[in-house]
Amino acid sequence: MDNKEFDNYIAKVRNNISNIYNAFYLWKNLQKGEYNEIYNKNKYFWGITLSSLQLNWLLGIAKLFEESKEEQEVISIPFLLKFIPDGESKEAIKRKIEEQESVLKNLWKWRCKILAHQDKVVAENIKDFYKKYPIKGANVENLLASIQNILGMIKSATVDHSESYDFRIFKEESERDAEQIIKQLQYFFQERKKHMEKFRKGEIHDPHFPPKS
């Protein structure tokens, strides 16, 4: 395989990691109790939105470490690792992955038992499953930080210089976006309350907000 083809695989994995970072930190920044009032006003929209974000990063991480099967190759970190020559660099990458083995095992259990499939036994004892295979936010954040280092190590092993990747922009921008959207919604609901108060006092005659054109 030539360098151009390998770089193409690296780019695909990098894009997947970007999406995972964005989904996780957007989901995380929306997990504030003070936002529940807004969520309750449009509970069907927010219910599926928040669960979809969570599903995105959970499945995304699981796919990122998926092993290829004989009948189906998948582009993932283990797939990229096959193209690294045996030696200290490859062993260092493997050790870095092994450091995350406990959370990756739990993520894979979630993927196989409740995300990609609905296992009957697990579905009937879901609380026990969560206790046995917990996935905590701090562990995920540590894993995400490790993933960017692993990708840099894989790239560095194929070039004659050190390569690094930084996905902090997705963390920062997702936090900014979440806060901005919530602020806009809070402003909207405050203005709606003012509108309804004017309607109750008879100052206006249209209860709809925003008013119908």
C-alpha atoms as a PDB file:
ATOM      1  CA  MET A   1       0.000   0.000   0.000  1.00  0.00           C
ATOM      2  CA  ASP A   2       1.393   3.435  -0.927  1.00  0.00           C
ATOM      3  CA  ASN A   3       1.477   6.472   1.367  1.00  0.00           C
ATOM      4  CA  LYS A   4      -1.398   8.179  -0.422  1.00  0.00           C
ATOM      5  CA  GLU A   5      -3.734   5.243   0.221  1.00  0.00           C
ATOM      6  CA  PHE A   6      -2.679   5.022   3.869  1.00  0.00           C
ATOM      7  CA  ASP A   7      -3.186   8.769   4.307  1.00  0.00           C
ATOM      8  CA  ASN A   8      -6.689   8.343   2.907  1.00  0.00           C
ATOM      9  CA  TYR A   9      -7.447   5.734   5.590  1.00  0.00           C
ATOM     10  CA  ILE A  10      -5.966   8.016   8.259  1.00  0.00           C
ATOM     11  CA  ALA A  11      -8.216  10.850   7.053  1.00  0.00           C
ATOM     12  CA  LYS A  12     -11.327   8.672   7.291  1.00  0.00           C
ATOM     13  CA  VAL A  13     -10.494   7.624  10.853  1.00  0.00           C
ATOM     14  CA  ARG A  14      -9.659  11.234  11.751  1.00  0.00           C
ATOM     15  CA  ASN A  15     -13.060  12.374  10.456  1.00  0.00           C
ATOM     16  CA  ASN A  16     -14.771   9.671  12.512  1.00  0.00           C
ATOM     17  CA  ILE A  17     -12.912  10.821  15.626  1.00  0.00           C
ATOM     18  CA  SER A  18     -13.968  14.415  14.920  1.00  0.00           C
ATOM     19  CA  ASN A  19     -17.612  13.347  14.787  1.00  0.00           C
ATOM     20  CA  ILE A  20     -17.248  11.369  18.024  1.00  0.00           C
ATOM     21  CA  TYR A  21     -15.687  14.331  19.826  1.00  0.00           C
ATOM     22  CA  ASN A  22     -18.405  16.658  18.581  1.00  0.00           C
ATOM     23  CA  ALA A  23     -21.255  14.308  19.538  1.00  0.00           C
ATOM     24  CA  PHE A  24     -19.833  13.504  22.982  1.00  0.00           C
ATOM     25  CA  TYR A  25     -19.095  17.063  24.059  1.00  0.00           C
ATOM     26  CA  LEU A  26     -22.331  18.439  22.637  1.00  0.00           C
ATOM     27  CA  TRP A  27     -24.206  15.712  24.542  1.00  0.00           C
ATOM     28  CA  LYS A  28     -22.174  16.368  27.700  1.00  0.00           C
ATOM     29  CA  ASN A  29     -22.735  20.122  27.624  1.00  0.00           C
ATOM     30  CA  LEU A  30     -26.479  19.604  27.346  1.00  0.00           C
ATOM     31  CA  GLN A  31     -26.553  17.465  30.531  1.00  0.00           C
ATOM     32  CA  LYS A  32     -27.389  20.283  32.924  1.00  0.00           C
ATOM     33  CA  GLY A  33     -30.298  20.138  35.339  1.00  0.00           C
ATOM     34  CA  GLU A  34     -31.030  23.826  34.761  1.00  0.00           C
ATOM     35  CA  TYR A  35     -31.917  22.987  31.135  1.00  0.00           C
ATOM     36  CA  ASN A  36     -34.680  20.540  32.105  1.00  0.00           C
ATOM     37  CA  GLU A  37     -37.348  23.232  31.995  1.00  0.00           C
ATOM     38  CA  ILE A  38     -36.552  23.827  28.334  1.00  0.00           C
ATOM     39  CA  TYR A  39     -36.408  20.112  27.545  1.00  0.00           C
ATOM     40  CA  ASN A  40     -39.788  19.518  29.177  1.00  0.00           C
ATOM     41  CA  LYS A  41     -41.460  22.104  26.946  1.00  0.00           C
ATOM     42  CA  ASN A  42     -40.528  20.101  23.837  1.00  0.00           C
ATOM     43  CA  LYS A  43     -39.883  16.702  25.408  1.00  0.00           C
ATOM     44  CA  TYR A  44     -40.332  14.586  22.274  1.00  0.00           C
ATOM     45  CA  PHE A  45     -37.824  16.642  20.295  1.00  0.00           C
ATOM     46  CA  TRP A  46     -35.240  16.788  23.079  1.00  0.00           C
ATOM     47  CA  GLY A  47     -35.735  13.185  24.131  1.00  0.00           C
ATOM     48  CA  ILE A  48     -34.751  11.816  20.737  1.00  0.00           C
ATOM     49  CA  THR A  49     -32.106  14.504  20.155  1.00  0.00           C
ATOM     50  CA  LEU A  50     -30.189  13.784  23.374  1.00  0.00           C
ATOM     51  CA  SER A  51     -30.458  10.000  22.997  1.00  0.00           C
ATOM     52  CA  SER A  52     -29.312  10.239  19.346  1.00  0.00           C
ATOM     53  CA  LEU A  53     -26.228  12.211  20.356  1.00  0.00           C
ATOM     54  CA  GLN A  54     -25.405   9.613  22.986  1.00  0.00           C
ATOM     55  CA  LEU A  55     -25.927   6.752  20.556  1.00  0.00           C
ATOM     56  CA  ASN A  56     -23.679   8.504  18.039  1.00  0.00           C
ATOM     57  CA  TRP A  57     -20.608   8.652  20.271  1.00  0.00           C
ATOM     58  CA  LEU A  58     -21.194   5.259  21.897  1.00  0.00           C
ATOM     59  CA  LEU A  59     -21.410   3.452  18.560  1.00  0.00           C
ATOM     60  CA  GLY A  60     -18.741   5.693  17.058  1.00  0.00           C
ATOM     61  CA  ILE A  61     -16.121   4.678  19.626  1.00  0.00           C
ATOM     62  CA  ALA A  62     -17.078   1.000  19.326  1.00  0.00           C
ATOM     63  CA  LYS A  63     -16.682   1.140  15.531  1.00  0.00           C
ATOM     64  CA  LEU A  64     -13.376   2.957  15.904  1.00  0.00           C
ATOM     65  CA  PHE A  65     -11.857  -0.095  17.610  1.00  0.00           C
ATOM     66  CA  GLU A  66     -13.704  -2.778  15.639  1.00  0.00           C
ATOM     67  CA  GLU A  67     -11.624  -5.651  14.293  1.00  0.00           C
ATOM     68  CA  SER A  68     -12.001  -6.674  10.648  1.00  0.00           C
ATOM     69  CA  LYS A  69     -13.525 -10.056   9.901  1.00  0.00           C
ATOM     70  CA  GLU A  70     -12.434 -12.425   7.178  1.00  0.00           C
ATOM     71  CA  GLU A  71     -15.507 -11.614   5.120  1.00  0.00           C
ATOM     72  CA  GLN A  72     -15.579  -7.894   5.932  1.00  0.00           C
ATOM     73  CA  GLU A  73     -12.773  -5.377   6.388  1.00  0.00           C
ATOM     74  CA  VAL A  74     -13.556  -2.262   8.391  1.00  0.00           C
ATOM     75  CA  ILE A  75     -11.586   0.975   8.546  1.00  0.00           C
ATOM     76  CA  SER A  76     -10.659   1.401  12.203  1.00  0.00           C
ATOM     77  CA  ILE A  77      -7.665   1.839  14.474  1.00  0.00           C
ATOM     78  CA  PRO A  78      -6.901  -1.934  14.480  1.00  0.00           C
ATOM     79  CA  PHE A  79      -7.113  -1.797  10.671  1.00  0.00           C
ATOM     80  CA  LEU A  80      -4.537   1.009  10.535  1.00  0.00           C
ATOM     81  CA  LEU A  81      -2.300  -0.867  12.951  1.00  0.00           C
ATOM     82  CA  LYS A  82      -1.904  -3.712  10.448  1.00  0.00           C
ATOM     83  CA  PHE A  83       0.111  -1.424   8.191  1.00  0.00           C
ATOM     84  CA  ILE A  84       2.632  -0.432  10.869  1.00  0.00           C
ATOM     85  CA  PRO A  85       5.871  -2.443  10.665  1.00  0.00           C
ATOM     86  CA  ASP A  86       6.602  -4.686  13.628  1.00  0.00           C
ATOM     87  CA  GLY A  87       8.859  -3.010  16.133  1.00  0.00           C
ATOM     88  CA  GLU A  88       8.921  -0.699  19.145  1.00  0.00           C
ATOM     89  CA  SER A  89       6.579   1.888  17.610  1.00  0.00           C
ATOM     90  CA  LYS A  90       3.880  -0.688  16.970  1.00  0.00           C
ATOM     91  CA  GLU A  91       4.274  -2.200  20.439  1.00  0.00           C
ATOM     92  CA  ALA A  92       3.998   1.265  22.016  1.00  0.00           C
ATOM     93  CA  ILE A  93       0.718   1.853  20.182  1.00  0.00           C
ATOM     94  CA  LYS A  94      -0.614  -1.512  21.354  1.00  0.00           C
ATOM     95  CA  ARG A  95       0.286  -0.661  24.946  1.00  0.00           C
ATOM     96  CA  LYS A  96      -1.491   2.668  24.613  1.00  0.00           C
ATOM     97  CA  ILE A  97      -4.629   0.871  23.429  1.00  0.00           C
ATOM     98  CA  GLU A  98      -4.351  -1.701  26.220  1.00  0.00           C
ATOM     99  CA  GLU A  99      -4.422   1.125  28.780  1.00  0.00           C
ATOM    100  CA  GLN A 100      -8.033   1.714  27.702  1.00  0.00           C
ATOM    101  CA  GLU A 101      -8.972  -1.972  27.652  1.00  0.00           C
ATOM    102  CA  SER A 102     -11.476  -1.844  30.530  1.00  0.00           C
ATOM    103  CA  VAL A 103     -13.628   0.967  29.107  1.00  0.00           C
ATOM    104  CA  LEU A 104     -13.342  -0.435  25.568  1.00  0.00           C
ATOM    105  CA  LYS A 105     -14.588  -3.833  26.753  1.00  0.00           C
ATOM    106  CA  ASN A 106     -17.601  -2.205  28.376  1.00  0.00           C
ATOM    107  CA  LEU A 107     -18.303  -0.128  25.271  1.00  0.00           C
ATOM    108  CA  TRP A 108     -18.184  -3.250  23.129  1.00  0.00           C
ATOM    109  CA  LYS A 109     -20.610  -4.999  25.498  1.00  0.00           C
ATOM    110  CA  TRP A 110     -22.985  -2.064  25.141  1.00  0.00           C
ATOM    111  CA  ARG A 111     -22.582  -2.170  21.371  1.00  0.00           C
ATOM    112  CA  CYS A 112     -23.365  -5.877  21.081  1.00  0.00           C
ATOM    113  CA  LYS A 113     -26.046  -6.160  23.767  1.00  0.00           C
ATOM    114  CA  ILE A 114     -28.081  -2.944  23.673  1.00  0.00           C
ATOM    115  CA  LEU A 115     -26.958  -0.602  20.853  1.00  0.00           C
ATOM    116  CA  ALA A 116     -26.617  -2.677  17.693  1.00  0.00           C
ATOM    117  CA  HIS A 117     -28.866  -5.456  19.035  1.00  0.00           C
ATOM    118  CA  GLN A 118     -31.422  -5.779  21.816  1.00  0.00           C
ATOM    119  CA  ASP A 119     -30.365  -8.811  23.773  1.00  0.00           C
ATOM    120  CA  LYS A 120     -33.417 -10.351  25.473  1.00  0.00           C
ATOM    121  CA  VAL A 121     -31.644 -11.346  28.680  1.00  0.00           C
ATOM    122  CA  VAL A 122     -29.990  -7.946  29.023  1.00  0.00           C
ATOM    123  CA  ALA A 123     -33.211  -6.063  28.225  1.00  0.00           C
ATOM    124  CA  GLU A 124     -34.955  -7.868  31.066  1.00  0.00           C
ATOM    125  CA  ASN A 125     -32.143  -7.028  33.522  1.00  0.00           C
ATOM    126  CA  ILE A 126     -30.884  -3.706  32.181  1.00  0.00           C
ATOM    127  CA  LYS A 127     -30.025  -2.193  35.589  1.00  0.00           C
ATOM    128  CA  ASP A 128     -27.791  -5.159  36.419  1.00  0.00           C
ATOM    129  CA  PHE A 129     -26.129  -4.798  33.024  1.00  0.00           C
ATOM    130  CA  TYR A 130     -25.337  -1.116  33.626  1.00  0.00           C
ATOM    131  CA  LYS A 131     -23.888  -1.950  37.044  1.00  0.00           C
ATOM    132  CA  LYS A 132     -21.713  -4.711  35.628  1.00  0.00           C
ATOM    133  CA  TYR A 133     -20.509  -2.744  32.586  1.00  0.00           C
ATOM    134  CA  PRO A 134     -20.516   0.939  33.612  1.00  0.00           C
ATOM    135  CA  ILE A 135     -19.439   3.679  31.240  1.00  0.00           C
ATOM    136  CA  LYS A 136     -18.534   6.872  33.084  1.00  0.00           C
ATOM    137  CA  GLY A 137     -18.025  10.260  31.497  1.00  0.00           C
ATOM    138  CA  ALA A 138     -14.549  10.695  33.000  1.00  0.00           C
ATOM    139  CA  ASN A 139     -13.449   7.362  31.487  1.00  0.00           C
ATOM    140  CA  VAL A 140     -14.784   8.392  28.078  1.00  0.00           C
ATOM    141  CA  GLU A 141     -12.964  11.730  28.202  1.00  0.00           C
ATOM    142  CA  ASN A 142      -9.736   9.966  29.128  1.00  0.00           C
ATOM    143  CA  LEU A 143     -10.324   7.538  26.244  1.00  0.00           C
ATOM    144  CA  LEU A 144     -10.923  10.386  23.783  1.00  0.00           C
ATOM    145  CA  ALA A 145      -7.669  12.063  24.837  1.00  0.00           C
ATOM    146  CA  SER A 146      -5.888   8.737  24.365  1.00  0.00           C
ATOM    147  CA  ILE A 147      -7.446   8.226  20.915  1.00  0.00           C
ATOM    148  CA  GLN A 148      -5.956  11.424  19.535  1.00  0.00           C
ATOM    149  CA  ASN A 149      -2.538  10.349  20.856  1.00  0.00           C
ATOM    150  CA  ILE A 150      -2.942   6.877  19.338  1.00  0.00           C
ATOM    151  CA  LEU A 151      -3.766   8.330  15.917  1.00  0.00           C
ATOM    152  CA  GLY A 152      -0.698  10.575  16.118  1.00  0.00           C
ATOM    153  CA  MET A 153       1.483   7.595  17.057  1.00  0.00           C
ATOM    154  CA  ILE A 154       0.140   5.596  14.088  1.00  0.00           C
ATOM    155  CA  LYS A 155       0.875   8.433  11.690  1.00  0.00           C
ATOM    156  CA  SER A 156       4.316   9.060  13.218  1.00  0.00           C
ATOM    157  CA  ALA A 157       5.236   5.420  12.655  1.00  0.00           C
ATOM    158  CA  THR A 158       4.852   5.894   8.889  1.00  0.00           C
ATOM    159  CA  VAL A 159       6.754   9.166   8.457  1.00  0.00           C
ATOM    160  CA  ASP A 160      10.193  10.409   9.400  1.00  0.00           C
ATOM    161  CA  HIS A 161       8.918  12.967  11.908  1.00  0.00           C
ATOM    162  CA  SER A 162       6.575  13.183  14.878  1.00  0.00           C
ATOM    163  CA  GLU A 163       2.906  13.763  14.062  1.00  0.00           C
ATOM    164  CA  SER A 164       0.164  14.871  16.453  1.00  0.00           C
ATOM    165  CA  TYR A 165      -3.567  15.526  16.306  1.00  0.00           C
ATOM    166  CA  ASP A 166      -5.604  17.902  18.416  1.00  0.00           C
ATOM    167  CA  PHE A 167      -9.405  17.652  18.604  1.00  0.00           C
ATOM    168  CA  ARG A 168      -9.898  20.254  21.351  1.00  0.00           C
ATOM    169  CA  ILE A 169     -11.591  22.611  18.893  1.00  0.00           C
ATOM    170  CA  PHE A 170     -14.570  20.233  18.747  1.00  0.00           C
ATOM    171  CA  LYS A 171     -14.794  20.200  22.530  1.00  0.00           C
ATOM    172  CA  GLU A 172     -14.649  23.987  22.751  1.00  0.00           C
ATOM    173  CA  GLU A 173     -16.977  24.719  19.845  1.00  0.00           C
ATOM    174  CA  SER A 174     -19.586  22.161  20.915  1.00  0.00           C
ATOM    175  CA  GLU A 175     -19.673  23.765  24.376  1.00  0.00           C
ATOM    176  CA  ARG A 176     -20.075  27.204  22.811  1.00  0.00           C
ATOM    177  CA  ASP A 177     -22.826  26.014  20.460  1.00  0.00           C
ATOM    178  CA  ALA A 178     -24.775  24.259  23.223  1.00  0.00           C
ATOM    179  CA  GLU A 179     -24.672  27.310  25.495  1.00  0.00           C
ATOM    180  CA  GLN A 180     -25.642  29.651  22.660  1.00  0.00           C
ATOM    181  CA  ILE A 181     -28.625  27.535  21.611  1.00  0.00           C
ATOM    182  CA  ILE A 182     -29.886  27.253  25.197  1.00  0.00           C
ATOM    183  CA  LYS A 183     -29.504  31.009  25.735  1.00  0.00           C
ATOM    184  CA  GLN A 184     -31.558  31.663  22.613  1.00  0.00           C
ATOM    185  CA  LEU A 185     -34.266  29.281  23.783  1.00  0.00           C
ATOM    186  CA  GLN A 186     -34.291  30.806  27.267  1.00  0.00           C
ATOM    187  CA  TYR A 187     -34.694  34.246  25.720  1.00  0.00           C
ATOM    188  CA  PHE A 188     -37.529  32.950  23.525  1.00  0.00           C
ATOM    189  CA  PHE A 189     -39.435  31.487  26.491  1.00  0.00           C
ATOM    190  CA  GLN A 190     -38.961  34.667  28.529  1.00  0.00           C
ATOM    191  CA  GLU A 191     -40.396  36.720  25.673  1.00  0.00           C
ATOM    192  CA  ARG A 192     -43.262  34.240  25.333  1.00  0.00           C
ATOM    193  CA  LYS A 193     -44.113  34.667  29.028  1.00  0.00           C
ATOM    194  CA  LYS A 194     -44.190  38.457  28.555  1.00  0.00           C
ATOM    195  CA  HIS A 195     -46.401  38.024  25.508  1.00  0.00           C
ATOM    196  CA  MET A 196     -48.867  35.787  27.387  1.00  0.00           C
ATOM    197  CA  GLU A 197     -48.985  38.231  30.293  1.00  0.00           C
ATOM    198  CA  LYS A 198     -49.954  41.031  27.891  1.00  0.00           C
ATOM    199  CA  PHE A 199     -52.604  38.739  26.395  1.00  0.00           C
ATOM    200  CA  ARG A 200     -54.073  37.988  29.835  1.00  0.00           C
ATOM    201  CA  LYS A 201     -54.233  41.731  30.589  1.00  0.00           C
ATOM    202  CA  GLY A 202     -56.022  42.359  27.298  1.00  0.00           C
ATOM    203  CA  GLU A 203     -53.195  44.496  25.935  1.00  0.00           C
ATOM    204  CA  ILE A 204     -52.924  42.255  22.855  1.00  0.00           C
ATOM    205  CA  HIS A 205     -55.429  39.912  21.210  1.00  0.00           C
ATOM    206  CA  ASP A 206     -53.224  37.235  19.642  1.00  0.00           C
ATOM    207  CA  PRO A 207     -52.101  34.521  22.146  1.00  0.00           C
ATOM    208  CA  HIS A 208     -49.719  32.932  19.649  1.00  0.00           C
ATOM    209  CA  PHE A 209     -46.002  33.538  20.053  1.00  0.00           C
ATOM    210  CA  PRO A 210     -44.358  34.301  17.792  1.00  0.00           C
ATOM    211  CA  PRO A 211     -47.488  36.008  16.467  1.00  0.00           C
ATOM    212  CA  LYS A 212     -49.004  34.559  13.319  1.00  0.00           C
ATOM    213  CA  SER A 213     -48.145  36.636  10.280  1.00  0.00           C
END
